[in-house]
N, C-alpha and C. Protein backbone atom coordinates (compact mmCIF):
# COMPACT_ATOMS: atom_id res chain seq x y z
N MET A 1 0.82 -1.18 0.00
CA MET A 1 0.00 0.00 0.00
C MET A 1 0.87 1.25 0.00
N ASN A 2 1.95 1.26 0.76
CA ASN A 2 2.84 2.43 0.79
C ASN A 2 3.50 2.65 -0.56
N ARG A 3 3.84 1.58 -1.23
CA ARG A 3 4.47 1.69 -2.55
C ARG A 3 3.53 2.39 -3.53
N LEU A 4 2.26 1.98 -3.54
CA LEU A 4 1.28 2.61 -4.41
C LEU A 4 1.10 4.09 -4.04
N LYS A 5 0.97 4.36 -2.75
CA LYS A 5 0.80 5.74 -2.29
C LYS A 5 1.99 6.60 -2.70
N ASN A 6 3.20 6.08 -2.52
CA ASN A 6 4.41 6.82 -2.90
C ASN A 6 4.47 7.06 -4.40
N THR A 7 4.05 6.09 -5.19
CA THR A 7 4.04 6.27 -6.64
C THR A 7 3.03 7.33 -7.05
N ILE A 8 1.87 7.31 -6.44
CA ILE A 8 0.84 8.32 -6.73
C ILE A 8 1.38 9.72 -6.43
N ILE A 9 2.07 9.88 -5.32
CA ILE A 9 2.65 11.17 -4.94
C ILE A 9 3.77 11.54 -5.91
N ALA A 10 4.65 10.59 -6.21
CA ALA A 10 5.78 10.85 -7.11
C ALA A 10 5.32 11.27 -8.50
N GLU A 11 4.22 10.72 -8.95
CA GLU A 11 3.67 11.05 -10.27
C GLU A 11 2.75 12.27 -10.23
N GLU A 12 2.66 12.90 -9.04
CA GLU A 12 1.82 14.08 -8.83
C GLU A 12 0.35 13.82 -9.19
N LEU A 13 -0.13 12.65 -8.79
CA LEU A 13 -1.52 12.27 -9.04
C LEU A 13 -2.37 12.30 -7.77
N ASP A 14 -1.76 12.67 -6.64
CA ASP A 14 -2.47 12.61 -5.37
C ASP A 14 -3.68 13.54 -5.32
N GLU A 15 -3.73 14.55 -6.15
CA GLU A 15 -4.89 15.43 -6.23
C GLU A 15 -6.08 14.71 -6.89
N TYR A 16 -5.77 13.69 -7.71
CA TYR A 16 -6.80 13.02 -8.50
C TYR A 16 -7.11 11.60 -8.04
N VAL A 17 -6.19 10.99 -7.31
CA VAL A 17 -6.32 9.57 -6.95
C VAL A 17 -6.52 9.43 -5.45
N ASN A 18 -7.55 8.68 -5.08
CA ASN A 18 -7.79 8.37 -3.67
C ASN A 18 -7.67 6.87 -3.51
N ASN A 19 -6.63 6.44 -2.87
CA ASN A 19 -6.37 5.03 -2.62
C ASN A 19 -7.09 4.65 -1.33
N MET A 20 -8.02 3.71 -1.42
CA MET A 20 -8.83 3.37 -0.25
C MET A 20 -8.61 1.93 0.19
N ARG A 21 -8.80 1.71 1.45
CA ARG A 21 -8.77 0.37 2.01
C ARG A 21 -10.12 0.13 2.65
N GLY A 22 -10.74 -1.00 2.35
CA GLY A 22 -12.05 -1.27 2.92
C GLY A 22 -12.65 -2.52 2.31
N ASP A 23 -13.90 -2.72 2.55
CA ASP A 23 -14.63 -3.89 2.07
C ASP A 23 -15.43 -3.48 0.83
N VAL A 24 -15.15 -4.11 -0.32
CA VAL A 24 -15.82 -3.76 -1.57
C VAL A 24 -17.30 -4.12 -1.57
N ARG A 25 -17.71 -4.91 -0.60
CA ARG A 25 -19.13 -5.28 -0.51
C ARG A 25 -19.95 -4.18 0.14
N LYS A 26 -19.27 -3.21 0.76
CA LYS A 26 -19.93 -2.09 1.43
C LYS A 26 -18.96 -0.91 1.40
N ILE A 27 -19.00 -0.15 0.31
CA ILE A 27 -18.05 0.94 0.09
C ILE A 27 -18.57 2.21 0.76
N ASP A 28 -17.71 2.84 1.54
CA ASP A 28 -18.08 4.03 2.30
C ASP A 28 -17.87 5.29 1.44
N ILE A 29 -18.62 5.39 0.35
CA ILE A 29 -18.58 6.54 -0.55
C ILE A 29 -20.02 6.81 -0.98
N ALA A 30 -20.36 8.08 -1.11
CA ALA A 30 -21.70 8.45 -1.55
C ALA A 30 -21.93 8.01 -3.00
N ASN A 31 -23.17 7.94 -3.40
CA ASN A 31 -23.55 7.55 -4.76
C ASN A 31 -22.91 8.46 -5.81
N GLU A 32 -22.47 7.84 -6.90
CA GLU A 32 -21.98 8.54 -8.09
C GLU A 32 -20.90 9.58 -7.79
N LYS A 33 -19.88 9.19 -7.05
CA LYS A 33 -18.78 10.11 -6.70
C LYS A 33 -17.43 9.70 -7.31
N VAL A 34 -17.37 8.55 -7.97
CA VAL A 34 -16.09 8.01 -8.42
C VAL A 34 -16.03 7.99 -9.95
N ASP A 35 -14.91 8.45 -10.50
CA ASP A 35 -14.71 8.44 -11.95
C ASP A 35 -14.17 7.10 -12.44
N LEU A 36 -13.29 6.48 -11.65
CA LEU A 36 -12.61 5.26 -12.09
C LEU A 36 -12.39 4.34 -10.89
N ILE A 37 -12.69 3.08 -11.08
CA ILE A 37 -12.36 2.05 -10.09
C ILE A 37 -11.36 1.12 -10.75
N PHE A 38 -10.24 0.90 -10.09
CA PHE A 38 -9.23 -0.04 -10.57
C PHE A 38 -9.00 -1.08 -9.50
N SER A 39 -9.07 -2.34 -9.87
CA SER A 39 -8.78 -3.41 -8.91
C SER A 39 -7.94 -4.48 -9.61
N ASN A 40 -7.22 -5.23 -8.82
CA ASN A 40 -6.35 -6.27 -9.34
C ASN A 40 -6.46 -7.51 -8.45
N GLU A 41 -6.74 -8.65 -9.09
CA GLU A 41 -6.82 -9.92 -8.36
C GLU A 41 -7.75 -9.83 -7.15
N LEU A 42 -8.82 -9.08 -7.29
CA LEU A 42 -9.77 -8.88 -6.20
C LEU A 42 -10.94 -9.84 -6.28
N LEU A 43 -11.51 -9.97 -7.46
CA LEU A 43 -12.75 -10.72 -7.60
C LEU A 43 -12.59 -12.20 -7.26
N CYS A 44 -11.38 -12.73 -7.43
CA CYS A 44 -11.15 -14.14 -7.11
C CYS A 44 -11.22 -14.40 -5.60
N GLU A 45 -11.24 -13.36 -4.81
CA GLU A 45 -11.32 -13.51 -3.35
C GLU A 45 -12.76 -13.56 -2.83
N LEU A 46 -13.74 -13.35 -3.73
CA LEU A 46 -15.13 -13.25 -3.30
C LEU A 46 -15.96 -14.44 -3.78
N ASP A 47 -16.90 -14.88 -2.96
CA ASP A 47 -17.84 -15.90 -3.42
C ASP A 47 -18.93 -15.21 -4.24
N ARG A 48 -19.88 -15.96 -4.74
CA ARG A 48 -20.89 -15.38 -5.64
C ARG A 48 -21.66 -14.23 -4.96
N SER A 49 -22.06 -14.41 -3.74
CA SER A 49 -22.78 -13.36 -3.01
C SER A 49 -21.91 -12.11 -2.88
N GLY A 50 -20.64 -12.32 -2.57
CA GLY A 50 -19.71 -11.20 -2.45
C GLY A 50 -19.51 -10.47 -3.77
N LEU A 51 -19.43 -11.24 -4.86
CA LEU A 51 -19.31 -10.63 -6.20
C LEU A 51 -20.54 -9.78 -6.52
N GLU A 52 -21.72 -10.32 -6.23
CA GLU A 52 -22.95 -9.57 -6.49
C GLU A 52 -22.95 -8.26 -5.70
N SER A 53 -22.58 -8.33 -4.43
CA SER A 53 -22.54 -7.12 -3.59
C SER A 53 -21.51 -6.13 -4.09
N ALA A 54 -20.33 -6.62 -4.44
CA ALA A 54 -19.26 -5.74 -4.92
C ALA A 54 -19.66 -5.02 -6.20
N PHE A 55 -20.23 -5.74 -7.15
CA PHE A 55 -20.64 -5.11 -8.40
C PHE A 55 -21.75 -4.08 -8.18
N ARG A 56 -22.68 -4.37 -7.28
CA ARG A 56 -23.72 -3.38 -6.97
C ARG A 56 -23.08 -2.12 -6.38
N GLU A 57 -22.10 -2.29 -5.49
CA GLU A 57 -21.42 -1.15 -4.88
C GLU A 57 -20.60 -0.39 -5.92
N PHE A 58 -19.87 -1.09 -6.77
CA PHE A 58 -19.10 -0.42 -7.81
C PHE A 58 -20.02 0.43 -8.68
N TYR A 59 -21.14 -0.16 -9.07
CA TYR A 59 -22.09 0.55 -9.93
C TYR A 59 -22.67 1.76 -9.20
N ARG A 60 -22.96 1.60 -7.93
CA ARG A 60 -23.56 2.68 -7.13
C ARG A 60 -22.62 3.87 -7.01
N VAL A 61 -21.33 3.64 -6.74
CA VAL A 61 -20.41 4.75 -6.47
C VAL A 61 -19.87 5.40 -7.74
N LEU A 62 -19.90 4.70 -8.87
CA LEU A 62 -19.39 5.27 -10.11
C LEU A 62 -20.31 6.36 -10.64
N LYS A 63 -19.68 7.45 -11.12
CA LYS A 63 -20.44 8.50 -11.79
C LYS A 63 -20.97 7.95 -13.11
N LYS A 64 -21.99 8.59 -13.65
CA LYS A 64 -22.46 8.23 -14.98
C LYS A 64 -21.29 8.40 -15.94
N GLY A 65 -21.03 7.40 -16.73
CA GLY A 65 -19.89 7.44 -17.65
C GLY A 65 -18.58 7.04 -17.00
N GLY A 66 -18.60 6.70 -15.69
CA GLY A 66 -17.39 6.25 -15.00
C GLY A 66 -16.95 4.89 -15.53
N LYS A 67 -15.73 4.53 -15.24
CA LYS A 67 -15.15 3.28 -15.73
C LYS A 67 -14.67 2.41 -14.58
N MET A 68 -14.71 1.12 -14.84
CA MET A 68 -14.16 0.15 -13.90
C MET A 68 -13.15 -0.70 -14.65
N ILE A 69 -11.95 -0.80 -14.13
CA ILE A 69 -10.90 -1.62 -14.73
C ILE A 69 -10.54 -2.69 -13.71
N HIS A 70 -10.50 -3.92 -14.18
CA HIS A 70 -10.15 -5.01 -13.28
C HIS A 70 -9.17 -5.95 -13.97
N ALA A 71 -8.17 -6.38 -13.26
CA ALA A 71 -7.17 -7.31 -13.80
C ALA A 71 -7.22 -8.61 -13.01
N GLU A 72 -7.12 -9.71 -13.73
CA GLU A 72 -7.08 -11.04 -13.13
C GLU A 72 -5.96 -11.84 -13.77
N LEU A 73 -5.93 -13.09 -13.48
CA LEU A 73 -4.93 -14.02 -13.98
C LEU A 73 -4.82 -13.93 -15.50
N ASP A 74 -3.61 -13.79 -16.01
CA ASP A 74 -3.36 -13.74 -17.45
C ASP A 74 -3.61 -15.11 -18.05
N PRO A 75 -4.45 -15.20 -19.08
CA PRO A 75 -4.77 -16.52 -19.66
C PRO A 75 -3.68 -17.09 -20.55
N VAL A 76 -2.54 -16.39 -20.72
CA VAL A 76 -1.45 -16.89 -21.55
C VAL A 76 -0.30 -17.32 -20.64
N PRO A 77 -0.08 -18.63 -20.52
CA PRO A 77 0.94 -19.12 -19.58
C PRO A 77 2.36 -18.86 -20.09
N GLU A 78 3.27 -18.64 -19.14
CA GLU A 78 4.68 -18.49 -19.46
C GLU A 78 5.46 -19.76 -19.15
N ASN A 79 4.85 -20.69 -18.39
CA ASN A 79 5.52 -21.95 -18.06
C ASN A 79 4.47 -23.01 -17.75
N ARG A 80 4.90 -24.23 -17.53
CA ARG A 80 3.97 -25.36 -17.31
C ARG A 80 3.12 -25.17 -16.06
N ALA A 81 3.70 -24.64 -14.99
CA ALA A 81 2.94 -24.44 -13.75
C ALA A 81 1.79 -23.46 -14.00
N GLN A 82 2.06 -22.37 -14.70
CA GLN A 82 1.00 -21.42 -15.02
C GLN A 82 -0.04 -22.05 -15.94
N GLU A 83 0.40 -22.88 -16.85
CA GLU A 83 -0.52 -23.56 -17.76
C GLU A 83 -1.50 -24.44 -16.98
N LEU A 84 -1.00 -25.17 -15.98
CA LEU A 84 -1.85 -26.03 -15.16
C LEU A 84 -2.85 -25.20 -14.34
N LEU A 85 -2.38 -24.08 -13.79
CA LEU A 85 -3.26 -23.21 -13.02
C LEU A 85 -4.36 -22.63 -13.90
N ILE A 86 -4.01 -22.19 -15.09
CA ILE A 86 -5.00 -21.63 -16.01
C ILE A 86 -5.99 -22.70 -16.44
N GLU A 87 -5.50 -23.91 -16.70
CA GLU A 87 -6.40 -25.01 -17.08
C GLU A 87 -7.40 -25.30 -15.96
N ALA A 88 -6.93 -25.32 -14.73
CA ALA A 88 -7.82 -25.55 -13.60
C ALA A 88 -8.83 -24.41 -13.48
N ASP A 89 -8.38 -23.19 -13.74
CA ASP A 89 -9.24 -22.02 -13.66
C ASP A 89 -10.38 -22.08 -14.68
N LEU A 90 -10.13 -22.68 -15.82
CA LEU A 90 -11.16 -22.78 -16.86
C LEU A 90 -12.36 -23.61 -16.43
N HIS A 91 -12.15 -24.48 -15.45
CA HIS A 91 -13.21 -25.38 -15.00
C HIS A 91 -13.85 -24.91 -13.69
N TYR A 92 -13.60 -23.66 -13.34
CA TYR A 92 -14.07 -23.12 -12.08
C TYR A 92 -15.38 -22.38 -12.26
N SER A 93 -16.21 -22.39 -11.23
CA SER A 93 -17.43 -21.58 -11.19
C SER A 93 -17.61 -21.11 -9.75
N SER A 94 -18.16 -19.92 -9.58
CA SER A 94 -18.35 -19.41 -8.22
C SER A 94 -19.43 -20.19 -7.48
N GLU A 95 -20.17 -21.03 -8.20
CA GLU A 95 -21.15 -21.90 -7.55
C GLU A 95 -20.45 -23.03 -6.79
N TYR A 96 -19.21 -23.30 -7.17
CA TYR A 96 -18.46 -24.40 -6.58
C TYR A 96 -17.14 -23.86 -6.04
N LEU A 97 -16.93 -23.96 -4.76
CA LEU A 97 -15.69 -23.49 -4.17
C LEU A 97 -14.77 -24.67 -3.92
N PRO A 98 -13.68 -24.79 -4.69
CA PRO A 98 -12.77 -25.93 -4.54
C PRO A 98 -11.91 -25.84 -3.29
N PHE A 99 -11.17 -26.87 -3.03
CA PHE A 99 -10.19 -26.92 -1.97
C PHE A 99 -10.81 -26.65 -0.60
N GLN A 100 -11.87 -27.37 -0.28
CA GLN A 100 -12.51 -27.32 1.02
C GLN A 100 -12.93 -25.90 1.41
N GLY A 101 -13.53 -25.20 0.47
CA GLY A 101 -14.07 -23.88 0.77
C GLY A 101 -13.16 -22.72 0.48
N GLU A 102 -11.87 -22.98 0.27
CA GLU A 102 -10.97 -21.87 -0.07
C GLU A 102 -11.16 -21.52 -1.54
N ARG A 103 -11.07 -20.27 -1.85
CA ARG A 103 -11.28 -19.83 -3.22
C ARG A 103 -9.92 -19.44 -3.81
N TRP A 104 -9.52 -20.12 -4.85
CA TRP A 104 -8.22 -19.86 -5.46
C TRP A 104 -8.33 -19.26 -6.85
N PHE A 105 -9.43 -19.47 -7.53
CA PHE A 105 -9.46 -19.15 -8.94
C PHE A 105 -10.40 -18.00 -9.25
N SER A 106 -10.11 -17.34 -10.35
CA SER A 106 -10.95 -16.22 -10.77
C SER A 106 -12.19 -16.75 -11.49
N PRO A 107 -13.31 -16.08 -11.33
CA PRO A 107 -14.54 -16.50 -12.02
C PRO A 107 -14.37 -16.35 -13.53
N PRO A 108 -15.04 -17.19 -14.31
CA PRO A 108 -14.96 -17.07 -15.77
C PRO A 108 -15.54 -15.74 -16.24
N VAL A 109 -15.01 -15.24 -17.35
CA VAL A 109 -15.42 -13.94 -17.88
C VAL A 109 -16.92 -13.88 -18.11
N ASN A 110 -17.52 -14.93 -18.69
CA ASN A 110 -18.95 -14.89 -18.97
C ASN A 110 -19.77 -14.77 -17.69
N GLU A 111 -19.30 -15.37 -16.61
CA GLU A 111 -20.00 -15.27 -15.32
C GLU A 111 -19.88 -13.85 -14.76
N LEU A 112 -18.69 -13.26 -14.88
CA LEU A 112 -18.49 -11.89 -14.41
C LEU A 112 -19.36 -10.91 -15.20
N LEU A 113 -19.42 -11.10 -16.51
CA LEU A 113 -20.25 -10.22 -17.34
C LEU A 113 -21.72 -10.29 -16.93
N LEU A 114 -22.21 -11.49 -16.67
CA LEU A 114 -23.59 -11.65 -16.24
C LEU A 114 -23.83 -10.93 -14.90
N LEU A 115 -22.95 -11.11 -13.95
CA LEU A 115 -23.09 -10.46 -12.65
C LEU A 115 -23.02 -8.94 -12.79
N MET A 116 -22.14 -8.45 -13.67
CA MET A 116 -22.03 -7.01 -13.90
C MET A 116 -23.32 -6.46 -14.51
N GLU A 117 -23.86 -7.16 -15.48
CA GLU A 117 -25.13 -6.72 -16.09
C GLU A 117 -26.26 -6.72 -15.08
N GLU A 118 -26.30 -7.71 -14.21
CA GLU A 118 -27.33 -7.76 -13.16
C GLU A 118 -27.21 -6.58 -12.21
N ALA A 119 -25.99 -6.07 -12.02
CA ALA A 119 -25.78 -4.92 -11.14
C ALA A 119 -26.11 -3.60 -11.82
N GLY A 120 -26.28 -3.62 -13.15
CA GLY A 120 -26.62 -2.39 -13.87
C GLY A 120 -25.62 -1.96 -14.92
N PHE A 121 -24.42 -2.58 -14.93
CA PHE A 121 -23.41 -2.21 -15.92
C PHE A 121 -23.86 -2.58 -17.33
N LYS A 122 -23.40 -1.79 -18.29
CA LYS A 122 -23.58 -2.12 -19.71
C LYS A 122 -22.27 -2.74 -20.16
N THR A 123 -22.33 -3.99 -20.60
CA THR A 123 -21.09 -4.68 -20.99
C THR A 123 -21.01 -4.84 -22.49
């Protein structure tokens, strides 16, 4: 977190960027106050209910015309271990939590798009 904060300051973006820590299922920001939401490897940490809540909150806090950018596991492997992880990820669904309830994999794109549309996003 300090590294990101220091980079924001070094790039003179601190007037425009607010780095927040909190629960994405209940964001402490008023409606339509955010221009851009950026997250990385976040959605894979949430179960289906959590994803639904997070997308509703993202939609609620974004201004009209606001953008959401999210990054997840790269689908192009660089080695055999990554290839195996990506292959396992292809067979994952948020309806099924592997490894005795622990969530390791990112939801499939089509599932995320459906959840985003249900929250109000135009995909």
